[in-house]
Amino acid sequence: MLAQYSSLGCASPDSYCLCNNVDFSNGLRDCSNGACGTAVGSSAIAYGSAYCSTAKATHTTTGLAALPSCGQTCFNNMVAQYSTLGCASPAPSCLCKNVNFGYGLRDCSNGACGTAVASTVIAYGSSYCASATAAH
């Protein structure tokens, strides 16, 4: 599955990018169960879950500053649109409920950063929203 990074929309076999694509974990599950059987496959799937948990935890701690400037600008501009997105404040729990927050981040980062870099910005937005919704 790591070798499939390009077809999964990642510029490199970056664990954070891969783990933010549901097809990575689905592929790992299907391949492990098919090649090993469900009894042994469950060990590979558990390893994949731990791999992705570590990738997401490490990425979240690097924060917004780890993004290229074009991505930071897009992210900050989308947060600043909170009232347009129907939120009383720039709270992630509200922003992330509106699909247009994610669409805006995607469209802006694709335009400003190019598609290769945009995947990291979009992945950051996914992590931002995942941690916001997990907290509530």
N, C-alpha and C. Protein backbone atom coordinates (compact mmCIF):
# COMPACT_ATOMS: atom_id res chain seq x y z
N MET A 1 0.83 -1.19 0.00
CA MET A 1 0.00 0.00 0.00
C MET A 1 0.87 1.25 0.00
N LEU A 2 2.03 1.19 0.66
CA LEU A 2 2.93 2.35 0.65
C LEU A 2 3.36 2.69 -0.78
N ALA A 3 3.57 1.66 -1.58
CA ALA A 3 4.00 1.87 -2.96
C ALA A 3 2.91 2.51 -3.82
N GLN A 4 1.69 2.53 -3.34
CA GLN A 4 0.56 3.11 -4.07
C GLN A 4 0.39 4.60 -3.82
N TYR A 5 1.39 5.24 -3.18
CA TYR A 5 1.23 6.63 -2.76
C TYR A 5 0.78 7.56 -3.89
N SER A 6 1.33 7.40 -5.06
CA SER A 6 0.98 8.29 -6.17
C SER A 6 -0.50 8.14 -6.55
N SER A 7 -0.96 6.91 -6.65
CA SER A 7 -2.36 6.70 -7.03
C SER A 7 -3.31 7.10 -5.90
N LEU A 8 -2.78 7.26 -4.68
CA LEU A 8 -3.59 7.71 -3.55
C LEU A 8 -3.54 9.22 -3.37
N GLY A 9 -2.89 9.93 -4.31
CA GLY A 9 -2.88 11.38 -4.29
C GLY A 9 -1.78 12.01 -3.45
N CYS A 10 -0.76 11.23 -3.11
CA CYS A 10 0.34 11.75 -2.30
C CYS A 10 1.57 11.96 -3.18
N ALA A 11 2.33 13.00 -2.88
CA ALA A 11 3.52 13.32 -3.66
C ALA A 11 4.68 12.39 -3.32
N SER A 12 4.63 11.78 -2.16
CA SER A 12 5.67 10.85 -1.71
C SER A 12 4.99 9.83 -0.79
N PRO A 13 5.70 8.78 -0.38
CA PRO A 13 5.08 7.83 0.54
C PRO A 13 5.01 8.38 1.97
N ASP A 14 4.48 9.60 2.09
CA ASP A 14 4.33 10.29 3.37
C ASP A 14 3.20 9.65 4.16
N SER A 15 3.51 9.18 5.35
CA SER A 15 2.52 8.45 6.15
C SER A 15 1.29 9.30 6.46
N TYR A 16 1.48 10.58 6.70
CA TYR A 16 0.34 11.43 7.03
C TYR A 16 -0.61 11.55 5.84
N CYS A 17 -0.05 11.79 4.67
CA CYS A 17 -0.89 11.91 3.47
C CYS A 17 -1.62 10.59 3.21
N LEU A 18 -0.88 9.48 3.27
CA LEU A 18 -1.49 8.17 3.01
C LEU A 18 -2.63 7.88 3.99
N CYS A 19 -2.37 8.15 5.25
CA CYS A 19 -3.35 7.80 6.28
C CYS A 19 -4.59 8.68 6.25
N ASN A 20 -4.55 9.78 5.53
CA ASN A 20 -5.73 10.63 5.38
C ASN A 20 -6.56 10.25 4.17
N ASN A 21 -6.16 9.17 3.49
CA ASN A 21 -6.93 8.67 2.36
C ASN A 21 -7.55 7.35 2.79
N VAL A 22 -8.87 7.29 2.81
CA VAL A 22 -9.58 6.09 3.27
C VAL A 22 -9.20 4.87 2.43
N ASP A 23 -8.80 5.08 1.18
CA ASP A 23 -8.43 3.96 0.33
C ASP A 23 -7.15 3.28 0.80
N PHE A 24 -6.30 4.01 1.54
CA PHE A 24 -5.09 3.39 2.09
C PHE A 24 -5.47 2.33 3.12
N SER A 25 -6.30 2.70 4.09
CA SER A 25 -6.67 1.72 5.12
C SER A 25 -7.58 0.63 4.56
N ASN A 26 -8.46 0.98 3.62
CA ASN A 26 -9.30 -0.04 2.99
C ASN A 26 -8.44 -1.03 2.19
N GLY A 27 -7.45 -0.52 1.49
CA GLY A 27 -6.55 -1.38 0.72
C GLY A 27 -5.74 -2.29 1.62
N LEU A 28 -5.26 -1.73 2.71
CA LEU A 28 -4.49 -2.53 3.67
C LEU A 28 -5.37 -3.64 4.25
N ARG A 29 -6.59 -3.30 4.59
CA ARG A 29 -7.53 -4.29 5.13
C ARG A 29 -7.80 -5.40 4.11
N ASP A 30 -8.15 -4.99 2.89
CA ASP A 30 -8.52 -5.96 1.86
C ASP A 30 -7.34 -6.85 1.49
N CYS A 31 -6.17 -6.26 1.33
CA CYS A 31 -4.98 -7.03 0.97
C CYS A 31 -4.59 -7.99 2.09
N SER A 32 -4.59 -7.50 3.31
CA SER A 32 -4.20 -8.33 4.47
C SER A 32 -5.16 -9.51 4.64
N ASN A 33 -6.44 -9.24 4.58
CA ASN A 33 -7.42 -10.32 4.72
C ASN A 33 -7.34 -11.31 3.56
N GLY A 34 -7.12 -10.78 2.34
CA GLY A 34 -7.05 -11.64 1.17
C GLY A 34 -5.78 -12.49 1.13
N ALA A 35 -4.66 -11.89 1.47
CA ALA A 35 -3.38 -12.60 1.38
C ALA A 35 -3.09 -13.46 2.60
N CYS A 36 -3.60 -13.06 3.75
CA CYS A 36 -3.24 -13.74 5.00
C CYS A 36 -4.39 -14.46 5.67
N GLY A 37 -5.61 -14.16 5.25
CA GLY A 37 -6.77 -14.66 5.98
C GLY A 37 -7.10 -13.68 7.11
N THR A 38 -8.32 -13.72 7.58
CA THR A 38 -8.74 -12.72 8.57
C THR A 38 -8.03 -12.86 9.91
N ALA A 39 -7.68 -14.08 10.32
CA ALA A 39 -7.02 -14.26 11.62
C ALA A 39 -5.66 -13.57 11.64
N VAL A 40 -4.85 -13.79 10.61
CA VAL A 40 -3.52 -13.17 10.55
C VAL A 40 -3.63 -11.74 10.02
N GLY A 41 -4.56 -11.51 9.12
CA GLY A 41 -4.76 -10.19 8.55
C GLY A 41 -5.06 -9.14 9.59
N SER A 42 -5.74 -9.52 10.64
CA SER A 42 -6.08 -8.56 11.69
C SER A 42 -4.83 -7.97 12.34
N SER A 43 -3.73 -8.73 12.40
CA SER A 43 -2.48 -8.20 12.95
C SER A 43 -1.91 -7.11 12.04
N ALA A 44 -1.97 -7.32 10.74
CA ALA A 44 -1.48 -6.32 9.79
C ALA A 44 -2.35 -5.07 9.84
N ILE A 45 -3.64 -5.26 9.98
CA ILE A 45 -4.57 -4.14 10.05
C ILE A 45 -4.32 -3.34 11.33
N ALA A 46 -4.08 -4.03 12.45
CA ALA A 46 -3.78 -3.35 13.71
C ALA A 46 -2.48 -2.56 13.59
N TYR A 47 -1.49 -3.14 12.91
CA TYR A 47 -0.23 -2.44 12.69
C TYR A 47 -0.49 -1.17 11.88
N GLY A 48 -1.30 -1.28 10.82
CA GLY A 48 -1.64 -0.12 10.00
C GLY A 48 -2.34 0.97 10.78
N SER A 49 -3.22 0.57 11.70
CA SER A 49 -3.92 1.56 12.54
C SER A 49 -2.94 2.29 13.44
N ALA A 50 -2.00 1.55 14.04
CA ALA A 50 -0.99 2.18 14.89
C ALA A 50 -0.08 3.10 14.07
N TYR A 51 0.28 2.65 12.88
CA TYR A 51 1.11 3.44 11.96
C TYR A 51 0.43 4.78 11.66
N CYS A 52 -0.86 4.73 11.38
CA CYS A 52 -1.60 5.95 11.05
C CYS A 52 -1.82 6.82 12.28
N SER A 53 -2.05 6.23 13.43
CA SER A 53 -2.21 7.03 14.65
C SER A 53 -0.96 7.82 14.95
N THR A 54 0.19 7.19 14.80
CA THR A 54 1.47 7.86 15.02
C THR A 54 1.67 8.97 14.00
N ALA A 55 1.36 8.70 12.74
CA ALA A 55 1.53 9.69 11.68
C ALA A 55 0.67 10.92 11.95
N LYS A 56 -0.56 10.72 12.36
CA LYS A 56 -1.47 11.84 12.61
C LYS A 56 -1.06 12.61 13.85
N ALA A 57 -0.65 11.92 14.90
CA ALA A 57 -0.22 12.59 16.13
C ALA A 57 1.02 13.44 15.88
N THR A 58 1.96 12.89 15.14
CA THR A 58 3.19 13.63 14.84
C THR A 58 2.90 14.85 13.98
N HIS A 59 2.01 14.68 13.00
CA HIS A 59 1.69 15.79 12.09
C HIS A 59 0.95 16.91 12.82
N THR A 60 0.03 16.54 13.66
CA THR A 60 -0.78 17.55 14.36
C THR A 60 0.09 18.43 15.23
N THR A 61 1.15 17.87 15.82
CA THR A 61 2.00 18.67 16.69
C THR A 61 2.85 19.66 15.91
N THR A 62 3.10 19.40 14.62
CA THR A 62 3.89 20.35 13.83
C THR A 62 3.06 21.57 13.46
N GLY A 63 1.75 21.38 13.35
CA GLY A 63 0.83 22.48 13.17
C GLY A 63 0.90 23.21 11.84
N LEU A 64 0.22 24.32 11.84
CA LEU A 64 0.06 25.15 10.66
C LEU A 64 1.40 25.64 10.11
N ALA A 65 2.36 25.89 10.99
CA ALA A 65 3.66 26.41 10.56
C ALA A 65 4.40 25.45 9.63
N ALA A 66 4.03 24.16 9.66
CA ALA A 66 4.69 23.18 8.80
C ALA A 66 4.21 23.28 7.35
N LEU A 67 3.10 23.95 7.12
CA LEU A 67 2.58 24.09 5.76
C LEU A 67 3.36 25.14 5.00
N PRO A 68 3.44 25.01 3.67
CA PRO A 68 4.03 26.09 2.88
C PRO A 68 3.19 27.35 3.02
N SER A 69 3.78 28.49 2.77
CA SER A 69 3.08 29.77 2.99
C SER A 69 1.77 29.86 2.21
N CYS A 70 1.73 29.30 0.99
CA CYS A 70 0.47 29.34 0.23
C CYS A 70 -0.63 28.58 0.97
N GLY A 71 -0.28 27.48 1.59
CA GLY A 71 -1.25 26.69 2.35
C GLY A 71 -1.69 27.40 3.62
N GLN A 72 -0.75 28.05 4.29
CA GLN A 72 -1.09 28.80 5.50
C GLN A 72 -2.06 29.92 5.16
N THR A 73 -1.80 30.61 4.05
CA THR A 73 -2.68 31.69 3.62
C THR A 73 -4.09 31.17 3.34
N CYS A 74 -4.18 30.06 2.61
CA CYS A 74 -5.49 29.48 2.29
C CYS A 74 -6.23 29.07 3.55
N PHE A 75 -5.51 28.40 4.46
CA PHE A 75 -6.14 27.96 5.70
C PHE A 75 -6.65 29.15 6.52
N ASN A 76 -5.78 30.14 6.70
CA ASN A 76 -6.17 31.32 7.48
C ASN A 76 -7.31 32.08 6.82
N ASN A 77 -7.31 32.15 5.49
CA ASN A 77 -8.41 32.83 4.78
C ASN A 77 -9.73 32.09 4.98
N MET A 78 -9.69 30.76 4.99
CA MET A 78 -10.92 30.00 5.19
C MET A 78 -11.43 30.15 6.62
N VAL A 79 -10.54 30.16 7.59
CA VAL A 79 -10.96 30.38 8.99
C VAL A 79 -11.59 31.76 9.13
N ALA A 80 -11.01 32.75 8.44
CA ALA A 80 -11.52 34.12 8.51
C ALA A 80 -12.92 34.25 7.89
N GLN A 81 -13.34 33.26 7.11
CA GLN A 81 -14.66 33.28 6.47
C GLN A 81 -15.75 32.70 7.39
N TYR A 82 -15.44 32.57 8.69
CA TYR A 82 -16.36 31.88 9.59
C TYR A 82 -17.79 32.41 9.54
N SER A 83 -17.96 33.74 9.49
CA SER A 83 -19.33 34.26 9.49
C SER A 83 -20.05 33.90 8.19
N THR A 84 -19.34 33.93 7.08
CA THR A 84 -19.92 33.53 5.79
C THR A 84 -20.30 32.06 5.81
N LEU A 85 -19.57 31.26 6.59
CA LEU A 85 -19.82 29.83 6.68
C LEU A 85 -20.87 29.49 7.75
N GLY A 86 -21.51 30.52 8.31
CA GLY A 86 -22.60 30.31 9.25
C GLY A 86 -22.18 30.09 10.69
N CYS A 87 -20.96 30.51 11.04
CA CYS A 87 -20.47 30.33 12.40
C CYS A 87 -20.42 31.67 13.13
N ALA A 88 -20.68 31.63 14.42
CA ALA A 88 -20.63 32.84 15.24
C ALA A 88 -19.19 33.21 15.61
N SER A 89 -18.30 32.23 15.54
CA SER A 89 -16.88 32.45 15.85
C SER A 89 -16.07 31.50 14.97
N PRO A 90 -14.75 31.67 14.94
CA PRO A 90 -13.93 30.77 14.12
C PRO A 90 -13.65 29.42 14.80
N ALA A 91 -14.63 28.90 15.53
CA ALA A 91 -14.46 27.62 16.22
C ALA A 91 -14.41 26.48 15.21
N PRO A 92 -13.37 25.63 15.30
CA PRO A 92 -13.26 24.52 14.35
C PRO A 92 -14.48 23.60 14.39
N SER A 93 -15.10 23.44 15.55
CA SER A 93 -16.27 22.56 15.64
C SER A 93 -17.40 23.05 14.74
N CYS A 94 -17.51 24.35 14.54
CA CYS A 94 -18.53 24.89 13.64
C CYS A 94 -18.04 24.89 12.19
N LEU A 95 -16.82 25.39 11.97
CA LEU A 95 -16.28 25.47 10.61
C LEU A 95 -16.32 24.12 9.91
N CYS A 96 -15.93 23.09 10.62
CA CYS A 96 -15.79 21.77 10.02
C CYS A 96 -17.11 21.09 9.74
N LYS A 97 -18.21 21.63 10.26
CA LYS A 97 -19.53 21.09 9.95
C LYS A 97 -20.00 21.56 8.59
N ASN A 98 -19.38 22.60 8.06
CA ASN A 98 -19.77 23.15 6.77
C ASN A 98 -18.83 22.61 5.69
N VAL A 99 -19.39 21.86 4.74
CA VAL A 99 -18.55 21.26 3.69
C VAL A 99 -17.79 22.32 2.89
N ASN A 100 -18.33 23.54 2.85
CA ASN A 100 -17.68 24.60 2.08
C ASN A 100 -16.34 25.02 2.69
N PHE A 101 -16.13 24.75 3.97
CA PHE A 101 -14.82 25.01 4.58
C PHE A 101 -13.77 24.12 3.90
N GLY A 102 -14.05 22.85 3.82
CA GLY A 102 -13.14 21.90 3.17
C GLY A 102 -13.00 22.18 1.68
N TYR A 103 -14.13 22.47 1.02
CA TYR A 103 -14.08 22.77 -0.42
C TYR A 103 -13.24 24.02 -0.68
N GLY A 104 -13.43 25.04 0.14
CA GLY A 104 -12.67 26.28 -0.03
C GLY A 104 -11.18 26.06 0.18
N LEU A 105 -10.85 25.28 1.20
CA LEU A 105 -9.45 24.97 1.46
C LEU A 105 -8.86 24.20 0.29
N ARG A 106 -9.60 23.24 -0.22
CA ARG A 106 -9.15 22.44 -1.37
C ARG A 106 -8.95 23.33 -2.60
N ASP A 107 -9.95 24.13 -2.92
CA ASP A 107 -9.88 24.94 -4.13
C ASP A 107 -8.78 25.98 -4.04
N CYS A 108 -8.66 26.64 -2.89
CA CYS A 108 -7.62 27.65 -2.70
C CYS A 108 -6.24 27.02 -2.79
N SER A 109 -6.02 25.92 -2.09
CA SER A 109 -4.68 25.33 -2.08
C SER A 109 -4.31 24.74 -3.44
N ASN A 110 -5.27 24.19 -4.17
CA ASN A 110 -4.99 23.70 -5.53
C ASN A 110 -4.58 24.87 -6.42
N GLY A 111 -5.28 26.00 -6.29
CA GLY A 111 -4.97 27.17 -7.11
C GLY A 111 -3.69 27.87 -6.71
N ALA A 112 -3.48 28.03 -5.41
CA ALA A 112 -2.34 28.81 -4.92
C ALA A 112 -1.05 27.99 -4.82
N CYS A 113 -1.18 26.70 -4.52
CA CYS A 113 0.00 25.88 -4.27
C CYS A 113 0.29 24.87 -5.36
N GLY A 114 -0.71 24.56 -6.19
CA GLY A 114 -0.56 23.48 -7.16
C GLY A 114 -1.02 22.17 -6.52
N THR A 115 -1.42 21.23 -7.36
CA THR A 115 -2.03 20.01 -6.84
C THR A 115 -1.06 19.16 -6.01
N ALA A 116 0.22 19.15 -6.34
CA ALA A 116 1.16 18.32 -5.59
C ALA A 116 1.27 18.77 -4.14
N VAL A 117 1.35 20.08 -3.92
CA VAL A 117 1.46 20.63 -2.57
C VAL A 117 0.09 20.68 -1.89
N ALA A 118 -0.94 20.89 -2.68
CA ALA A 118 -2.30 21.03 -2.12
C ALA A 118 -2.69 19.81 -1.29
N SER A 119 -2.23 18.63 -1.66
CA SER A 119 -2.62 17.43 -0.91
C SER A 119 -2.19 17.53 0.55
N THR A 120 -1.05 18.16 0.83
CA THR A 120 -0.62 18.30 2.22
C THR A 120 -1.49 19.32 2.96
N VAL A 121 -1.91 20.36 2.26
CA VAL A 121 -2.78 21.38 2.86
C VAL A 121 -4.15 20.78 3.15
N ILE A 122 -4.67 20.02 2.22
CA ILE A 122 -5.97 19.36 2.39
C ILE A 122 -5.89 18.35 3.53
N ALA A 123 -4.79 17.61 3.59
CA ALA A 123 -4.60 16.64 4.68
C ALA A 123 -4.55 17.36 6.03
N TYR A 124 -3.90 18.52 6.07
CA TYR A 124 -3.86 19.29 7.32
C TYR A 124 -5.28 19.70 7.72
N GLY A 125 -6.07 20.17 6.74
CA GLY A 125 -7.46 20.54 7.02
C GLY A 125 -8.27 19.36 7.53
N SER A 126 -8.03 18.18 6.98
CA SER A 126 -8.72 16.97 7.45
C SER A 126 -8.36 16.66 8.88
N SER A 127 -7.08 16.79 9.20
CA SER A 127 -6.61 16.53 10.57
C SER A 127 -7.19 17.57 11.53
N TYR A 128 -7.20 18.81 11.11
CA TYR A 128 -7.75 19.91 11.91
C TYR A 128 -9.21 19.61 12.25
N CYS A 129 -9.96 19.20 11.24
CA CYS A 129 -11.38 18.90 11.47
C CYS A 129 -11.59 17.61 12.25
N ALA A 130 -10.75 16.62 12.02
CA ALA A 130 -10.87 15.36 12.77
C ALA A 130 -10.63 15.60 14.25
N SER A 131 -9.63 16.40 14.58
CA SER A 131 -9.36 16.65 15.99
C SER A 131 -10.45 17.56 16.60
N ALA A 132 -11.03 18.42 15.80
CA ALA A 132 -12.11 19.29 16.30
C ALA A 132 -13.36 18.48 16.59
N THR A 133 -13.70 17.58 15.69
CA THR A 133 -14.93 16.80 15.89
C THR A 133 -14.72 15.71 16.95
N ALA A 134 -13.48 15.23 17.09
CA ALA A 134 -13.20 14.23 18.12
C ALA A 134 -13.32 14.84 19.52
N ALA A 135 -13.02 16.13 19.62
CA ALA A 135 -13.07 16.81 20.91
C ALA A 135 -14.50 17.07 21.36
N HIS A 136 -15.46 16.97 20.43
CA HIS A 136 -16.86 17.29 20.78
C HIS A 136 -17.74 16.09 20.70
